[in-house]
Every structure is written in structure tokens, then in C-alpha cells.
Amino acid sequence: MTSHLWQKSTYSGANDTCVEIRSSDGAIELRESDDGTVILRITPAALAGLLRTIKAGELDHQHA
């Protein structure tokens, strides 16, 4: 990924409440499409780790 343009999943369709992603100077930037003022800047390795954690369900909350 070498684009400075924000991208969002095609699953979002016309919905404006999704996470957008782009690359910038070797880092990955994430933001919410409905509020682009806050940008999370992480390394590709950190993003890969976050995605593995999410897919493994390690951030799921247990309901009593």
C-alpha cells in the first residue's frame, strides 16, 4: 500500500461510519470516516498484530 488517499472497505458501501486506512511515509494511518480529525498512526507490524488479536477474539467482551 503506497497511497496517500484514504481507502475504506467496499463492504461499507455508502455508509459513512467506517474505518478508513492509508499509508504515509512507511506507516499506516487509520481514522473514522465520520470524524477524520483523529488519526491513529501505527507501523505495519503493529497493525498486523492488532488484526491477529481481533481475529482471535481476544478483545471480545464476555457478557454475564
Protein backbone atom coordinates (compact mmCIF):
# COMPACT_ATOMS: atom_id res chain seq x y z
CA MET A 1 0.00 0.00 0.00
CA THR A 2 1.62 3.23 -1.14
CA SER A 3 -1.33 5.56 -1.46
CA HIS A 4 -1.81 8.79 0.43
CA LEU A 5 -5.51 8.61 -0.40
CA TRP A 6 -7.89 7.33 2.27
CA GLN A 7 -9.47 3.95 1.48
CA LYS A 8 -12.43 2.17 3.03
CA SER A 9 -13.80 -1.31 2.70
CA THR A 10 -16.18 -1.99 -0.16
CA TYR A 11 -18.41 -3.65 2.47
CA SER A 12 -19.13 -0.15 3.81
CA GLY A 13 -20.99 0.88 0.65
CA ALA A 14 -22.41 4.37 1.05
CA ASN A 15 -22.20 4.12 4.83
CA ASP A 16 -20.07 6.89 6.35
CA THR A 17 -19.46 5.14 9.67
CA CYS A 18 -16.43 3.03 8.92
CA VAL A 19 -12.69 2.98 9.42
CA GLU A 20 -10.52 4.40 6.64
CA ILE A 21 -6.89 3.47 6.05
CA ARG A 22 -3.90 4.82 4.13
CA SER A 23 -0.13 4.55 4.08
CA SER A 24 2.10 7.51 4.76
CA ASP A 25 5.89 7.55 4.98
CA GLY A 26 6.14 3.84 5.82
CA ALA A 27 3.41 3.97 8.47
CA ILE A 28 -0.27 3.05 8.41
CA GLU A 29 -2.86 5.65 9.35
CA LEU A 30 -6.41 4.86 10.47
CA ARG A 31 -9.36 7.19 11.08
CA GLU A 32 -13.13 7.08 11.41
CA SER A 33 -14.82 8.28 8.25
CA ASP A 34 -17.41 10.33 10.15
CA ASP A 35 -14.72 12.19 12.16
CA GLY A 36 -11.44 12.50 10.30
CA THR A 37 -9.81 14.79 12.84
CA VAL A 38 -8.30 11.97 14.93
CA ILE A 39 -5.75 9.82 13.12
CA LEU A 40 -4.09 6.74 14.60
CA ARG A 41 -0.60 6.25 13.13
CA ILE A 42 0.96 2.79 13.56
CA THR A 43 3.56 0.57 11.98
CA PRO A 44 2.57 -2.21 9.57
CA ALA A 45 3.75 -4.76 12.17
CA ALA A 46 1.54 -3.21 14.85
CA LEU A 47 -1.47 -3.28 12.52
CA ALA A 48 -0.81 -6.94 11.72
CA GLY A 49 -0.66 -7.69 15.45
CA LEU A 50 -3.90 -5.81 16.08
CA LEU A 51 -5.67 -7.72 13.31
CA ARG A 52 -4.42 -11.06 14.67
CA THR A 53 -5.69 -10.11 18.14
CA ILE A 54 -9.10 -9.11 16.78
CA LYS A 55 -9.44 -12.25 14.65
CA ALA A 56 -8.51 -14.41 17.64
CA GLY A 57 -11.36 -12.84 19.64
CA GLU A 58 -9.02 -11.61 22.35
CA LEU A 59 -10.80 -8.25 22.53
CA ASP A 60 -14.30 -9.70 22.73
CA HIS A 61 -16.18 -8.79 25.89
CA GLN A 62 -17.87 -11.53 27.86
CA HIS A 63 -21.43 -10.72 28.92
CA ALA A 64 -22.68 -12.02 32.25
